[in-house]
Amino acid sequence: MAGTLAARRAIVEVCRRLYERGLIAGPDGNVSVRLSRDRALVTPTGMSKVDVRPGDLVEVTVDGGRPVRSGGGSRYRKPSSEVLLHVRMYSLRSDVWAVVHAHPPVATGFAVAGEGIPGNVLPETIVQMGDVALVPYALAGTDALADGIEPYVRAHDAFLLANHGAVTIGTTLLAAHQRMESLEHAARILLTSRLLGRVTTLSPAQVAELRSTQAAAAASTSRPGRPARSGRRGKE
């Protein structure tokens, strides 16, 4: 129970930060945390995230996103309309324990323009998330959106949804949230460099050096006999 309460409070804090940093507006976005192999906690539908409180969050099954415990006291809360997207990622990636979906303005602008964020420009982006996949448009809240992102899930940690928004995942809620903030920051820098007339990319050798250096650093900080909880590339 204590762990569940901590997860609820952490989600509420991330919702507040997303709102304060202008990454969502109104009822936009949704956040979830995996509680166990078969349960997850997700924000409710229809609420402005800055108004969400721990009791409003809804516990759902990872298999299908069905609510098993509603928040809101006597007021029944329904899980986010995007819950299928969240649970699909949990089903496909056992290392993923948190999902953040937001509408960061500049990054979403790239999605509307039909462009991803390249993973060969900024060292921080390379280390934290690599290439950002551009997922073809599908109607929000449907199986089609979850189906559309499925081919990209195993090889990416950040996604732009065409004409929609962005999704980031992580082994922790902190990692997923930091990736969302960094994604928007990278999009702003990339847009600025384009306005200035030039985007200088790093070479494949420089990208490989960054990834190997980060992987070595992650391995050195992991406990003996246990793998680093850092995702596939040793980044978090």
Foldseek 3Di string as FASTA:
>chain_A
DVVLLVQLVVQLVLLLVCVVVVQADQQFKKKKFAPDLFKIKIAFGRGRSPPDHSQQIFMATLVPGHTDDGGDVVDGTHGYLQSVLVSLLVVVDVLWGMKIWTAQPLQLVCLQVVHWQAQFADLLCLQLKHTAARFEADDHSDVVSSVRCVVPSQPTQKYHYRNGHIMGTFSDNVSRSVNSVVSSVSSVVVVVCVVVPDGDGHDPVVSVVSLVVLQVVQQVPDDPPDHRSQHDRNRD
